[in-house]
Amino acid sequence: MGSVQSATTNEADEAAARRNNEIDTQIQADHLKRKNEVRLLVFGSADSGKSSLLKRVKLIHHGAHREATL
């Protein structure tokens, strides 16, 4: 009549729990990394100083930014 559940866990459950914890840790680390990231989109016509602005930012921050072009 009653259902009985075993209190012991098998190796597959333990491995799944470890993998779940690894994934959660990686998600938290990625979140902190993205929290400190700043993106800047620079608009302007030709010869308006977009490249000069990026060069100055690079000099000020000692190359700490990544330039991504799409």
PDB file of N, CA and C in Angstrom:
ATOM      1  N   MET A   1       0.801  -1.197   0.000  1.00  0.00           N
ATOM      2  CA  MET A   1       0.000   0.000   0.000  1.00  0.00           C
ATOM      3  C   MET A   1       0.844   1.261   0.000  1.00  0.00           C
ATOM      4  N   GLY A   2       1.806   1.304   0.859  1.00  0.00           N
ATOM      5  CA  GLY A   2       2.644   2.488   0.928  1.00  0.00           C
ATOM      6  C   GLY A   2       3.834   2.369   0.000  1.00  0.00           C
ATOM      7  N   SER A   3       4.332   3.492  -0.425  1.00  0.00           N
ATOM      8  CA  SER A   3       5.518   3.465  -1.280  1.00  0.00           C
ATOM      9  C   SER A   3       6.736   3.765  -0.421  1.00  0.00           C
ATOM     10  N   VAL A   4       7.771   3.012  -0.666  1.00  0.00           N
ATOM     11  CA  VAL A   4       8.995   3.153   0.106  1.00  0.00           C
ATOM     12  C   VAL A   4      10.078   3.683  -0.820  1.00  0.00           C
ATOM     13  N   GLN A   5      10.813   4.645  -0.334  1.00  0.00           N
ATOM     14  CA  GLN A   5      11.881   5.220  -1.132  1.00  0.00           C
ATOM     15  C   GLN A   5      13.198   4.997  -0.413  1.00  0.00           C
ATOM     16  N   SER A   6      14.195   4.581  -1.142  1.00  0.00           N
ATOM     17  CA  SER A   6      15.494   4.298  -0.556  1.00  0.00           C
ATOM     18  C   SER A   6      16.210   5.597  -0.214  1.00  0.00           C
ATOM     19  N   ALA A   7      16.901   5.606   0.892  1.00  0.00           N
ATOM     20  CA  ALA A   7      17.629   6.795   1.319  1.00  0.00           C
ATOM     21  C   ALA A   7      19.011   6.869   0.688  1.00  0.00           C
ATOM     22  N   THR A   8      19.486   5.778   0.127  1.00  0.00           N
ATOM     23  CA  THR A   8      20.811   5.783  -0.483  1.00  0.00           C
ATOM     24  C   THR A   8      20.715   6.282  -1.913  1.00  0.00           C
ATOM     25  N   THR A   9      21.737   6.987  -2.337  1.00  0.00           N
ATOM     26  CA  THR A   9      21.780   7.476  -3.714  1.00  0.00           C
ATOM     27  C   THR A   9      22.796   6.662  -4.484  1.00  0.00           C
ATOM     28  N   ASN A  10      22.560   6.511  -5.736  1.00  0.00           N
ATOM     29  CA  ASN A  10      23.501   5.740  -6.533  1.00  0.00           C
ATOM     30  C   ASN A  10      24.552   6.664  -7.152  1.00  0.00           C
ATOM     31  N   GLU A  11      25.531   6.079  -7.787  1.00  0.00           N
ATOM     32  CA  GLU A  11      26.647   6.845  -8.342  1.00  0.00           C
ATOM     33  C   GLU A  11      26.207   7.795  -9.442  1.00  0.00           C
ATOM     34  N   ALA A  12      25.213   7.416 -10.218  1.00  0.00           N
ATOM     35  CA  ALA A  12      24.735   8.280 -11.301  1.00  0.00           C
ATOM     36  C   ALA A  12      24.132   9.563 -10.740  1.00  0.00           C
ATOM     37  N   ASP A  13      23.385   9.445  -9.649  1.00  0.00           N
ATOM     38  CA  ASP A  13      22.798  10.632  -9.028  1.00  0.00           C
ATOM     39  C   ASP A  13      23.884  11.543  -8.464  1.00  0.00           C
ATOM     40  N   GLU A  14      24.896  10.967  -7.862  1.00  0.00           N
ATOM     41  CA  GLU A  14      25.993  11.767  -7.312  1.00  0.00           C
ATOM     42  C   GLU A  14      26.767  12.460  -8.422  1.00  0.00           C
ATOM     43  N   ALA A  15      27.009  11.760  -9.521  1.00  0.00           N
ATOM     44  CA  ALA A  15      27.713  12.366 -10.652  1.00  0.00           C
ATOM     45  C   ALA A  15      26.887  13.493 -11.256  1.00  0.00           C
ATOM     46  N   ALA A  16      25.581  13.288 -11.346  1.00  0.00           N
ATOM     47  CA  ALA A  16      24.698  14.325 -11.879  1.00  0.00           C
ATOM     48  C   ALA A  16      24.689  15.551 -10.965  1.00  0.00           C
ATOM     49  N   ALA A  17      24.701  15.334  -9.674  1.00  0.00           N
ATOM     50  CA  ALA A  17      24.715  16.449  -8.722  1.00  0.00           C
ATOM     51  C   ALA A  17      26.026  17.224  -8.812  1.00  0.00           C
ATOM     52  N   ARG A  18      27.152  16.502  -8.949  1.00  0.00           N
ATOM     53  CA  ARG A  18      28.448  17.181  -9.101  1.00  0.00           C
ATOM     54  C   ARG A  18      28.476  18.012 -10.379  1.00  0.00           C
ATOM     55  N   ARG A  19      27.986  17.438 -11.473  1.00  0.00           N
ATOM     56  CA  ARG A  19      27.969  18.153 -12.754  1.00  0.00           C
ATOM     57  C   ARG A  19      27.065  19.375 -12.664  1.00  0.00           C
ATOM     58  N   ASN A  20      25.938  19.243 -11.987  1.00  0.00           N
ATOM     59  CA  ASN A  20      25.028  20.368 -11.806  1.00  0.00           C
ATOM     60  C   ASN A  20      25.711  21.492 -11.031  1.00  0.00           C
ATOM     61  N   ASN A  21      26.458  21.151  -9.991  1.00  0.00           N
ATOM     62  CA  ASN A  21      27.181  22.159  -9.215  1.00  0.00           C
ATOM     63  C   ASN A  21      28.256  22.835 -10.056  1.00  0.00           C
ATOM     64  N   GLU A  22      28.947  22.071 -10.910  1.00  0.00           N
ATOM     65  CA  GLU A  22      29.959  22.655 -11.793  1.00  0.00           C
ATOM     66  C   GLU A  22      29.325  23.655 -12.754  1.00  0.00           C
ATOM     67  N   ILE A  23      28.183  23.290 -13.309  1.00  0.00           N
ATOM     68  CA  ILE A  23      27.489  24.179 -14.241  1.00  0.00           C
ATOM     69  C   ILE A  23      27.023  25.439 -13.530  1.00  0.00           C
ATOM     70  N   ASP A  24      26.458  25.299 -12.334  1.00  0.00           N
ATOM     71  CA  ASP A  24      26.011  26.467 -11.569  1.00  0.00           C
ATOM     72  C   ASP A  24      27.176  27.397 -11.246  1.00  0.00           C
ATOM     73  N   THR A  25      28.316  26.830 -10.892  1.00  0.00           N
ATOM     74  CA  THR A  25      29.500  27.634 -10.594  1.00  0.00           C
ATOM     75  C   THR A  25      29.959  28.391 -11.831  1.00  0.00           C
ATOM     76  N   GLN A  26      29.951  27.737 -12.983  1.00  0.00           N
ATOM     77  CA  GLN A  26      30.363  28.385 -14.228  1.00  0.00           C
ATOM     78  C   GLN A  26      29.398  29.500 -14.618  1.00  0.00           C
ATOM     79  N   ILE A  27      28.112  29.278 -14.415  1.00  0.00           N
ATOM     80  CA  ILE A  27      27.116  30.310 -14.719  1.00  0.00           C
ATOM     81  C   ILE A  27      27.343  31.535 -13.842  1.00  0.00           C
ATOM     82  N   GLN A  28      27.620  31.332 -12.566  1.00  0.00           N
ATOM     83  CA  GLN A  28      27.875  32.460 -11.666  1.00  0.00           C
ATOM     84  C   GLN A  28      29.142  33.209 -12.060  1.00  0.00           C
ATOM     85  N   ALA A  29      30.182  32.486 -12.442  1.00  0.00           N
ATOM     86  CA  ALA A  29      31.432  33.123 -12.861  1.00  0.00           C
ATOM     87  C   ALA A  29      31.217  33.929 -14.138  1.00  0.00           C
ATOM     88  N   ASP A  30      30.470  33.388 -15.080  1.00  0.00           N
ATOM     89  CA  ASP A  30      30.181  34.108 -16.322  1.00  0.00           C
ATOM     90  C   ASP A  30      29.352  35.357 -16.050  1.00  0.00           C
ATOM     91  N   HIS A  31      28.417  35.251 -15.114  1.00  0.00           N
ATOM     92  CA  HIS A  31      27.589  36.408 -14.766  1.00  0.00           C
ATOM     93  C   HIS A  31      28.446  37.536 -14.188  1.00  0.00           C
ATOM     94  N   LEU A  32      29.372  37.208 -13.302  1.00  0.00           N
ATOM     95  CA  LEU A  32      30.246  38.231 -12.726  1.00  0.00           C
ATOM     96  C   LEU A  32      31.143  38.852 -13.787  1.00  0.00           C
ATOM     97  N   LYS A  33      31.614  38.045 -14.709  1.00  0.00           N
ATOM     98  CA  LYS A  33      32.464  38.550 -15.788  1.00  0.00           C
ATOM     99  C   LYS A  33      31.683  39.520 -16.672  1.00  0.00           C
ATOM    100  N   ARG A  34      30.449  39.159 -17.027  1.00  0.00           N
ATOM    101  CA  ARG A  34      29.627  40.022 -17.878  1.00  0.00           C
ATOM    102  C   ARG A  34      29.181  41.280 -17.137  1.00  0.00           C
ATOM    103  N   LYS A  35      29.066  41.204 -15.816  1.00  0.00           N
ATOM    104  CA  LYS A  35      28.631  42.354 -15.033  1.00  0.00           C
ATOM    105  C   LYS A  35      29.641  43.497 -15.137  1.00  0.00           C
ATOM    106  N   ASN A  36      30.918  43.161 -15.262  1.00  0.00           N
ATOM    107  CA  ASN A  36      31.969  44.174 -15.328  1.00  0.00           C
ATOM    108  C   ASN A  36      32.293  44.596 -16.754  1.00  0.00           C
ATOM    109  N   GLU A  37      31.612  44.038 -17.729  1.00  0.00           N
ATOM    110  CA  GLU A  37      31.887  44.349 -19.128  1.00  0.00           C
ATOM    111  C   GLU A  37      31.064  45.546 -19.576  1.00  0.00           C
ATOM    112  N   VAL A  38      31.705  46.441 -20.318  1.00  0.00           N
ATOM    113  CA  VAL A  38      31.031  47.617 -20.848  1.00  0.00           C
ATOM    114  C   VAL A  38      31.187  47.598 -22.362  1.00  0.00           C
ATOM    115  N   ARG A  39      30.097  47.836 -23.052  1.00  0.00           N
ATOM    116  CA  ARG A  39      30.145  47.899 -24.509  1.00  0.00           C
ATOM    117  C   ARG A  39      29.857  49.322 -24.941  1.00  0.00           C
ATOM    118  N   LEU A  40      30.544  49.744 -25.987  1.00  0.00           N
ATOM    119  CA  LEU A  40      30.400  51.103 -26.484  1.00  0.00           C
ATOM    120  C   LEU A  40      30.233  51.044 -27.988  1.00  0.00           C
ATOM    121  N   LEU A  41      29.168  51.635 -28.478  1.00  0.00           N
ATOM    122  CA  LEU A  41      28.916  51.702 -29.909  1.00  0.00           C
ATOM    123  C   LEU A  41      29.142  53.139 -30.340  1.00  0.00           C
ATOM    124  N   VAL A  42      30.082  53.343 -31.249  1.00  0.00           N
ATOM    125  CA  VAL A  42      30.469  54.688 -31.663  1.00  0.00           C
ATOM    126  C   VAL A  42      29.899  54.953 -33.051  1.00  0.00           C
ATOM    127  N   PHE A  43      29.091  55.994 -33.149  1.00  0.00           N
ATOM    128  CA  PHE A  43      28.523  56.413 -34.424  1.00  0.00           C
ATOM    129  C   PHE A  43      29.217  57.680 -34.881  1.00  0.00           C
ATOM    130  N   GLY A  44      29.211  57.905 -36.169  1.00  0.00           N
ATOM    131  CA  GLY A  44      29.744  59.148 -36.699  1.00  0.00           C
ATOM    132  C   GLY A  44      30.063  59.010 -38.170  1.00  0.00           C
ATOM    133  N   SER A  45      30.106  60.138 -38.818  1.00  0.00           N
ATOM    134  CA  SER A  45      30.435  60.139 -40.242  1.00  0.00           C
ATOM    135  C   SER A  45      31.936  59.944 -40.414  1.00  0.00           C
ATOM    136  N   ALA A  46      32.350  59.829 -41.651  1.00  0.00           N
ATOM    137  CA  ALA A  46      33.772  59.662 -41.945  1.00  0.00           C
ATOM    138  C   ALA A  46      34.550  60.865 -41.421  1.00  0.00           C
ATOM    139  N   ASP A  47      35.739  60.633 -40.955  1.00  0.00           N
ATOM    140  CA  ASP A  47      36.625  61.681 -40.425  1.00  0.00           C
ATOM    141  C   ASP A  47      36.026  62.427 -39.232  1.00  0.00           C
ATOM    142  N   SER A  48      35.199  61.751 -38.446  1.00  0.00           N
ATOM    143  CA  SER A  48      34.628  62.410 -37.271  1.00  0.00           C
ATOM    144  C   SER A  48      35.402  62.090 -35.999  1.00  0.00           C
ATOM    145  N   GLY A  49      36.410  61.202 -36.085  1.00  0.00           N
ATOM    146  CA  GLY A  49      37.245  60.927 -34.931  1.00  0.00           C
ATOM    147  C   GLY A  49      36.919  59.643 -34.196  1.00  0.00           C
ATOM    148  N   LYS A  50      36.213  58.723 -34.836  1.00  0.00           N
ATOM    149  CA  LYS A  50      35.862  57.459 -34.175  1.00  0.00           C
ATOM    150  C   LYS A  50      37.114  56.656 -33.841  1.00  0.00           C
ATOM    151  N   SER A  51      38.008  56.531 -34.787  1.00  0.00           N
ATOM    152  CA  SER A  51      39.245  55.771 -34.557  1.00  0.00           C
ATOM    153  C   SER A  51      40.114  56.452 -33.514  1.00  0.00           C
ATOM    154  N   SER A  52      40.163  57.763 -33.546  1.00  0.00           N
ATOM    155  CA  SER A  52      40.952  58.502 -32.556  1.00  0.00           C
ATOM    156  C   SER A  52      40.402  58.285 -31.152  1.00  0.00           C
ATOM    157  N   LEU A  53      39.088  58.259 -31.038  1.00  0.00           N
ATOM    158  CA  LEU A  53      38.466  58.013 -29.741  1.00  0.00           C
ATOM    159  C   LEU A  53      38.849  56.632 -29.222  1.00  0.00           C
ATOM    160  N   LEU A  54      38.789  55.624 -30.081  1.00  0.00           N
ATOM    161  CA  LEU A  54      39.151  54.273 -29.662  1.00  0.00           C
ATOM    162  C   LEU A  54      40.624  54.186 -29.270  1.00  0.00           C
ATOM    163  N   LYS A  55      41.484  54.888 -29.987  1.00  0.00           N
ATOM    164  CA  LYS A  55      42.912  54.899 -29.648  1.00  0.00           C
ATOM    165  C   LYS A  55      43.134  55.543 -28.282  1.00  0.00           C
ATOM    166  N   ARG A  56      42.414  56.623 -28.002  1.00  0.00           N
ATOM    167  CA  ARG A  56      42.558  57.290 -26.702  1.00  0.00           C
ATOM    168  C   ARG A  56      42.059  56.403 -25.563  1.00  0.00           C
ATOM    169  N   VAL A  57      40.943  55.735 -25.781  1.00  0.00           N
ATOM    170  CA  VAL A  57      40.423  54.817 -24.763  1.00  0.00           C
ATOM    171  C   VAL A  57      41.445  53.724 -24.504  1.00  0.00           C
ATOM    172  N   LYS A  58      42.049  53.222 -25.565  1.00  0.00           N
ATOM    173  CA  LYS A  58      43.055  52.176 -25.423  1.00  0.00           C
ATOM    174  C   LYS A  58      44.263  52.687 -24.640  1.00  0.00           C
ATOM    175  N   LEU A  59      44.699  53.899 -24.906  1.00  0.00           N
ATOM    176  CA  LEU A  59      45.827  54.474 -24.170  1.00  0.00           C
ATOM    177  C   LEU A  59      45.487  54.686 -22.694  1.00  0.00           C
ATOM    178  N   ILE A  60      44.300  55.185 -22.438  1.00  0.00           N
ATOM    179  CA  ILE A  60      43.895  55.463 -21.060  1.00  0.00           C
ATOM    180  C   ILE A  60      43.793  54.179 -20.244  1.00  0.00           C
ATOM    181  N   HIS A  61      43.238  53.140 -20.842  1.00  0.00           N
ATOM    182  CA  HIS A  61      43.008  51.886 -20.120  1.00  0.00           C
ATOM    183  C   HIS A  61      44.088  50.851 -20.378  1.00  0.00           C
ATOM    184  N   HIS A  62      45.173  51.249 -20.989  1.00  0.00           N
ATOM    185  CA  HIS A  62      46.331  50.379 -21.223  1.00  0.00           C
ATOM    186  C   HIS A  62      45.958  49.085 -21.930  1.00  0.00           C
ATOM    187  N   GLY A  63      45.103  49.184 -22.916  1.00  0.00           N
ATOM    188  CA  GLY A  63      44.753  48.012 -23.711  1.00  0.00           C
ATOM    189  C   GLY A  63      43.837  47.036 -23.013  1.00  0.00           C
ATOM    190  N   ALA A  64      43.130  47.476 -21.991  1.00  0.00           N
ATOM    191  CA  ALA A  64      42.281  46.569 -21.225  1.00  0.00           C
ATOM    192  C   ALA A  64      40.960  46.266 -21.921  1.00  0.00           C
ATOM    193  N   HIS A  65      40.684  46.934 -23.021  1.00  0.00           N
ATOM    194  CA  HIS A  65      39.425  46.667 -23.715  1.00  0.00           C
ATOM    195  C   HIS A  65      39.667  45.822 -24.953  1.00  0.00           C
ATOM    196  N   ARG A  66      38.614  45.184 -25.395  1.00  0.00           N
ATOM    197  CA  ARG A  66      38.669  44.405 -26.629  1.00  0.00           C
ATOM    198  C   ARG A  66      37.874  45.156 -27.679  1.00  0.00           C
ATOM    199  N   GLU A  67      38.434  45.307 -28.844  1.00  0.00           N
ATOM    200  CA  GLU A  67      37.727  45.967 -29.924  1.00  0.00           C
ATOM    201  C   GLU A  67      37.042  44.900 -30.760  1.00  0.00           C
ATOM    202  N   ALA A  68      35.733  44.941 -30.801  1.00  0.00           N
ATOM    203  CA  ALA A  68      34.972  43.965 -31.577  1.00  0.00           C
ATOM    204  C   ALA A  68      34.297  44.687 -32.728  1.00  0.00           C
ATOM    205  N   THR A  69      34.538  44.227 -33.916  1.00  0.00           N
ATOM    206  CA  THR A  69      33.895  44.814 -35.083  1.00  0.00           C
ATOM    207  C   THR A  69      32.995  43.771 -35.706  1.00  0.00           C
ATOM    208  N   LEU A  70      31.826  44.191 -36.095  1.00  0.00           N
ATOM    209  CA  LEU A  70      30.864  43.274 -36.721  1.00  0.00           C
ATOM    210  C   LEU A  70      30.733  43.584 -38.180  1.00  0.00           C
TER     211      LEU A  70
END
